[in-house]
Protein backbone atom coordinates (compact mmCIF):
# COMPACT_ATOMS: atom_id res chain seq x y z
CA MET A 1 0.00 0.00 0.00
CA CYS A 2 2.82 2.40 0.87
CA LEU A 3 4.67 1.45 -2.32
CA ILE A 4 1.63 2.35 -4.42
CA TRP A 5 0.82 5.57 -2.57
CA GLY A 6 4.49 6.60 -2.71
CA THR A 7 4.52 6.25 -6.51
CA THR A 8 1.20 8.07 -6.97
CA TRP A 9 3.11 11.34 -6.53
CA LEU A 10 4.91 10.56 -9.80
CA ALA A 11 1.61 9.90 -11.55
CA ILE A 12 0.14 13.12 -10.14
CA LYS A 13 3.20 15.08 -11.33
CA ILE A 14 2.80 13.63 -14.82
CA GLY A 15 -0.95 14.29 -14.84
CA LEU A 16 -0.48 17.93 -13.81
CA ARG A 17 1.18 18.57 -17.17
CA SER A 18 -2.19 18.00 -18.84
CA MET A 19 -4.95 19.09 -16.44
CA PRO A 20 -5.62 21.21 -13.32
CA PRO A 21 -5.02 19.42 -9.99
CA ILE A 22 -8.52 19.43 -8.48
CA LEU A 23 -10.05 18.32 -11.79
CA GLY A 24 -7.48 15.52 -11.94
CA ALA A 25 -8.39 14.44 -8.41
CA SER A 26 -12.10 14.50 -9.31
CA LEU A 27 -11.59 12.35 -12.44
CA ARG A 28 -9.38 10.00 -10.42
CA PHE A 29 -12.11 9.26 -7.86
CA LEU A 30 -14.96 9.13 -10.37
CA LEU A 31 -13.03 6.64 -12.53
CA ALA A 32 -12.09 4.68 -9.39
CA SER A 33 -15.77 4.50 -8.43
CA LEU A 34 -16.52 2.92 -11.84
CA PHE A 35 -13.83 0.28 -11.25
CA LEU A 36 -15.28 -0.36 -7.79
CA LEU A 37 -18.82 -0.63 -9.13
CA GLY A 38 -17.64 -3.29 -11.57
CA LEU A 39 -16.07 -5.28 -8.72
CA ILE A 40 -19.19 -4.84 -6.58
CA GLU A 41 -21.41 -6.16 -9.39
CA PHE A 42 -18.99 -9.02 -10.15
CA ARG A 43 -18.91 -10.13 -6.51
CA ARG A 44 -22.65 -9.47 -6.05
CA ILE A 45 -22.03 -7.25 -3.04
CA GLN A 46 -25.19 -5.70 -1.62
CA PHE A 47 -25.31 -2.11 -0.40
CA ALA A 48 -26.39 -1.77 3.21
CA ARG A 49 -29.66 0.12 3.62
CA ASP A 50 -29.35 1.33 7.20
CA GLU A 51 -28.75 4.95 8.10
CA MET A 52 -25.25 4.43 9.58
CA PHE A 53 -23.87 3.06 6.29
CA TRP A 54 -24.92 6.17 4.37
CA LYS A 55 -23.72 8.47 7.14
CA LEU A 56 -20.27 6.84 6.97
CA GLY A 57 -20.28 7.05 3.15
CA ILE A 58 -21.05 10.78 3.28
CA LEU A 59 -18.41 11.27 5.98
CA MET A 60 -15.80 9.51 3.82
CA GLY A 61 -16.78 11.54 0.76
CA LEU A 62 -16.30 14.77 2.69
CA SER A 63 -13.48 13.97 5.15
CA SER A 64 -11.45 11.27 3.35
CA PHE A 65 -11.61 12.48 -0.25
CA ALA A 66 -13.10 15.91 -1.11
CA LEU A 67 -12.17 18.39 1.63
CA PRO A 68 -8.67 17.03 2.51
CA LEU A 69 -7.55 16.99 -1.13
CA ALA A 70 -8.93 20.48 -1.73
CA LEU A 71 -7.12 21.77 1.37
CA VAL A 72 -3.84 20.07 0.39
CA TYR A 73 -3.94 21.41 -3.16
CA TRP A 74 -4.81 24.90 -1.91
CA GLY A 75 -2.23 24.91 0.89
CA THR A 76 0.69 23.65 -1.20
CA GLN A 77 0.36 26.73 -3.45
CA PHE A 78 1.85 28.82 -0.63
CA ILE A 79 4.41 26.55 1.09
CA PRO A 80 7.16 24.17 -0.11
CA THR A 81 6.08 20.61 -0.84
CA GLY A 82 8.60 19.35 1.72
CA LEU A 83 7.03 21.45 4.46
CA ALA A 84 3.59 20.27 3.34
CA SER A 85 4.75 16.66 3.73
CA ILE A 86 6.03 17.35 7.24
CA LEU A 87 2.79 19.03 8.25
CA PHE A 88 0.70 16.16 6.87
CA ALA A 89 2.93 13.80 8.87
CA THR A 90 1.00 15.11 11.90
CA TYR A 91 -1.66 12.63 10.72
CA PRO A 92 -0.60 9.83 13.12
CA PHE A 93 -0.74 12.32 16.01
CA ALA A 94 -4.26 13.32 14.95
CA VAL A 95 -5.29 9.66 14.67
CA ALA A 96 -3.80 8.94 18.10
CA LEU A 97 -5.78 11.78 19.69
CA CYS A 98 -9.02 10.88 17.89
CA SER A 99 -8.56 7.23 18.89
CA TYR A 100 -8.04 8.25 22.52
CA PHE A 101 -11.38 10.07 22.61
CA ILE A 102 -13.46 7.90 20.24
CA LEU A 103 -12.03 4.36 20.60
CA PRO A 104 -11.79 3.40 24.28
CA ASN A 105 -10.07 0.08 23.47
CA GLU A 106 -7.16 1.74 21.61
CA ARG A 107 -5.17 3.35 24.40
CA LEU A 108 -1.96 5.20 23.65
CA THR A 109 1.14 3.38 24.85
CA LYS A 110 4.54 4.92 25.50
CA PRO A 111 6.21 2.95 22.64
CA THR A 112 3.48 4.07 20.21
CA MET A 113 3.88 7.74 21.14
CA ALA A 114 7.68 7.46 21.08
CA GLY A 115 7.55 5.82 17.65
CA ILE A 116 5.23 8.51 16.27
CA LEU A 117 7.52 11.24 17.60
CA LEU A 118 10.61 9.56 16.13
CA GLY A 119 8.90 9.15 12.76
CA PHE A 120 7.90 12.82 12.73
CA VAL A 121 11.50 13.83 13.49
CA GLY A 122 12.62 11.66 10.57
CA ILE A 123 10.23 13.39 8.16
CA TYR A 124 11.47 16.76 9.48
CA VAL A 125 15.10 15.77 8.82
CA ILE A 126 14.29 14.69 5.25
CA PHE A 127 12.63 17.95 4.28
CA ALA A 128 14.19 20.50 6.68
CA SER A 129 16.27 22.16 3.96
CA GLU A 130 13.11 23.29 2.14
CA PHE A 131 11.74 25.50 4.95
CA SER A 132 10.80 28.81 3.32
CA PHE A 133 7.48 30.44 2.52
CA GLN A 134 6.56 31.12 -1.10
CA SER A 135 3.72 33.54 -0.29
CA SER A 136 2.28 35.88 2.31
CA LEU A 137 -0.37 33.19 2.83
CA GLY A 138 2.21 30.74 4.19
CA ILE A 139 0.58 30.50 7.64
CA GLU A 140 -2.85 29.90 6.10
CA GLY A 141 -1.32 27.23 3.84
CA MET A 142 0.18 25.45 6.86
CA ILE A 143 -3.17 25.53 8.68
CA ALA A 144 -4.89 24.06 5.61
CA ILE A 145 -2.49 21.06 5.52
CA ILE A 146 -2.90 20.37 9.25
CA LEU A 147 -6.68 20.67 9.00
CA SER A 148 -6.57 18.16 6.14
CA SER A 149 -4.76 15.61 8.34
CA ILE A 150 -7.27 16.18 11.19
CA LEU A 151 -10.26 15.62 8.89
CA GLN A 152 -8.80 12.39 7.51
CA ALA A 153 -7.92 11.20 11.02
CA PHE A 154 -11.46 11.84 12.26
CA ALA A 155 -12.92 9.94 9.29
CA LEU A 156 -10.53 7.02 9.79
CA VAL A 157 -11.29 6.60 13.49
CA THR A 158 -15.05 7.02 12.98
CA VAL A 159 -15.09 4.33 10.29
CA LYS A 160 -12.99 2.14 12.61
CA LYS A 161 -15.66 2.48 15.31
CA TYR A 162 -18.83 2.11 13.25
CA GLY A 163 -17.80 0.55 9.92
CA GLY A 164 -17.13 -3.04 11.05
CA PRO A 165 -20.38 -4.56 9.69
CA TYR A 166 -20.05 -3.01 6.22
CA ASN A 167 -18.20 -4.15 3.11
CA THR A 168 -15.18 -1.94 2.41
CA MET A 169 -15.80 -1.86 -1.36
CA SER A 170 -19.37 -0.56 -1.09
CA LEU A 171 -18.41 1.96 1.59
CA ASN A 172 -15.49 3.28 -0.47
CA TYR A 173 -17.69 3.42 -3.57
CA VAL A 174 -20.16 5.77 -1.90
CA GLY A 175 -17.32 7.91 -0.50
CA MET A 176 -15.50 8.16 -3.84
CA VAL A 177 -18.62 9.11 -5.80
CA ILE A 178 -19.47 11.87 -3.32
CA GLY A 179 -15.84 13.04 -3.15
CA GLY A 180 -15.44 12.98 -6.95
CA VAL A 181 -18.61 15.00 -7.55
CA LEU A 182 -17.72 17.59 -4.88
CA LEU A 183 -14.19 17.97 -6.29
CA ALA A 184 -15.63 18.42 -9.80
CA ILE A 185 -17.85 21.24 -8.51
CA MET A 186 -14.83 22.85 -6.78
CA SER A 187 -12.77 22.52 -9.96
CA PHE A 188 -15.35 24.16 -12.23
CA ALA A 189 -15.80 26.94 -9.67
CA THR A 190 -12.10 27.73 -9.15
CA GLU A 191 -9.89 26.31 -11.94
CA ASN A 192 -9.13 27.30 -15.52
CA HIS A 193 -9.88 24.39 -17.87
CA GLU A 194 -8.33 25.85 -21.00
CA GLY A 195 -5.52 23.83 -22.51
CA ILE A 196 -6.56 20.45 -21.03
CA VAL A 197 -4.97 17.63 -23.03
CA PHE A 198 -5.97 13.95 -22.69
CA ASN A 199 -2.82 12.49 -24.19
CA ARG A 200 -1.35 9.03 -23.56
CA GLU A 201 0.57 10.15 -20.46
CA ALA A 202 -2.48 11.82 -18.92
CA ILE A 203 -4.73 8.79 -19.53
CA LEU A 204 -2.21 6.27 -18.18
CA SER A 205 -1.52 8.37 -15.06
CA LEU A 206 -5.26 8.75 -14.46
CA ILE A 207 -5.85 4.99 -14.81
CA TYR A 208 -2.96 4.24 -12.44
CA LEU A 209 -4.21 6.75 -9.86
CA ALA A 210 -7.78 5.45 -10.09
CA LEU A 211 -7.16 1.70 -10.19
CA PHE A 212 -4.09 1.32 -7.98
CA GLY A 213 -3.81 4.63 -6.11
CA SER A 214 -7.50 4.64 -5.13
CA VAL A 215 -9.28 1.29 -5.55
CA VAL A 216 -6.51 -1.08 -4.41
CA THR A 217 -5.10 1.14 -1.67
CA PHE A 218 -8.27 2.57 -0.10
CA VAL A 219 -10.11 -0.77 -0.12
CA THR A 220 -7.03 -2.42 1.42
CA TYR A 221 -6.62 0.43 3.91
CA PHE A 222 -10.17 0.24 5.24
CA TRP A 223 -10.06 -3.57 5.24
CA LEU A 224 -6.89 -3.41 7.35
CA LEU A 225 -8.66 -0.94 9.61
CA LYS A 226 -10.87 -3.80 10.81
CA HIS A 227 -7.83 -5.85 11.83
CA VAL A 228 -5.13 -3.32 12.85
CA ALA A 229 -5.09 -0.52 15.43
CA ALA A 230 -5.91 2.82 13.78
CA VAL A 231 -2.80 4.48 15.25
CA LEU A 232 -0.45 1.83 13.84
CA LEU A 233 -2.16 1.94 10.44
CA SER A 234 -1.74 5.72 10.35
CA LEU A 235 2.06 5.26 10.42
CA THR A 236 1.85 4.69 6.66
CA ALA A 237 1.90 8.51 6.52
CA PHE A 238 5.59 8.31 7.48
CA VAL A 239 6.55 5.62 4.95
CA THR A 240 4.84 7.10 1.87
CA PRO A 241 7.05 10.25 1.64
CA ILE A 242 10.19 8.07 1.72
CA ILE A 243 8.88 5.94 -1.16
CA ALA A 244 7.99 9.14 -3.04
CA VAL A 245 11.52 10.51 -2.61
CA ILE A 246 13.15 7.27 -3.80
CA ALA A 247 10.75 7.05 -6.77
CA GLY A 248 11.62 10.65 -7.68
CA VAL A 249 15.31 9.77 -7.68
CA ILE A 250 14.77 6.74 -9.92
CA VAL A 251 12.30 8.26 -12.41
CA PHE A 252 13.13 11.98 -12.46
CA GLY A 253 16.77 11.86 -11.35
CA GLU A 254 16.08 13.96 -8.27
CA LYS A 255 18.85 14.37 -5.69
CA LEU A 256 19.28 11.79 -2.90
CA THR A 257 21.13 13.31 0.05
CA VAL A 258 22.62 12.07 3.33
CA GLN A 259 19.79 13.96 5.00
CA ILE A 260 17.27 11.68 3.28
CA PHE A 261 19.13 8.54 4.44
CA ILE A 262 19.26 9.73 8.06
CA GLY A 263 15.62 10.82 8.05
CA SER A 264 14.50 7.53 6.50
CA ALA A 265 16.41 5.57 9.16
CA LEU A 266 14.66 7.60 11.88
CA VAL A 267 11.26 6.96 10.29
CA LEU A 268 11.84 3.21 10.06
CA GLY A 269 13.17 3.21 13.62
CA GLY A 270 10.03 5.00 14.76
CA ILE A 271 7.83 2.37 13.12
CA VAL A 272 9.79 -0.41 14.83
CA VAL A 273 9.44 1.33 18.22
CA ALA A 274 5.71 1.95 17.73
CA ASN A 275 5.19 -1.73 16.87
CA SER A 276 7.63 -3.03 19.50
CA ALA A 277 4.95 -4.73 21.62
CA ASP A 278 3.64 -6.67 18.60
CA LEU A 279 7.18 -7.53 17.45
CA ILE A 280 8.11 -8.86 20.89
CA ALA A 281 4.91 -10.94 20.96
CA VAL A 282 5.72 -12.43 17.53
CA ILE A 283 9.30 -13.25 18.63
CA LYS A 284 8.02 -14.94 21.79
CA ARG A 285 5.50 -17.00 19.82
CA GLY A 286 8.22 -18.02 17.35
CA ARG A 287 10.60 -19.00 20.17
CA ALA A 288 7.86 -21.04 21.88
CA PHE A 289 7.09 -22.79 18.58
CA LEU A 290 10.78 -23.69 18.09
CA LEU A 291 11.07 -25.02 21.63
CA GLU A 292 8.05 -27.27 21.07
């Protein structure tokens, strides 16, 4: 999942050559919803009819897809992309706080908090050299990115609490349709659509973002949410930027510095610390199995 999300930044960068960003995001989710609908029909999945299912679908459309992406695209106009990545890396902190108040069974442990803090420091080290504002709206841009992470965290934890009985494909389908339509409205209200070109690169990047970057990853993410603690799952926000940096080096020849290596090591160390209790349990089970 992290590998796919890390490489979606390349596809987005390629797609931006041909179409405005919010329009691209809208088409991505609308196309993804068509892929999902095909899978739903193929597997004969029924849509739940109770009120909670539709409430969660609307919440996902607003807080997982439409509003966070709009805030990220707006905020990154005024601050460096590196700083935007660091600010969005507050996502695990937001998930941890939301989990504390909404999910009584997911208590924060010292290793989890230490791992989150270490991962955040790692992201800071990777992108620290890019700290400079590009506009007088730099503060507002920073607030927009942080608000985006809070909205996604709230949606994640709420779905964790109430979404257990529902199929992840049908729930994501509703969210993506709502998110795609809302983003389309935002795009036509705010973006210039002159010069849009649907060439081979644009179409391939859109298909990749829809099929892999949306359908495969989001369905997997919300399926994992039923089996993994929300705080631990949110640590993917630390891994994805590292994958994006490495992919940029391979595809676009971007610079790979010592800073990136050190920061990546801190991020991976943070993930190990946050998962230390589970790792110790696995080691103990393996040792007991060998002794038997």
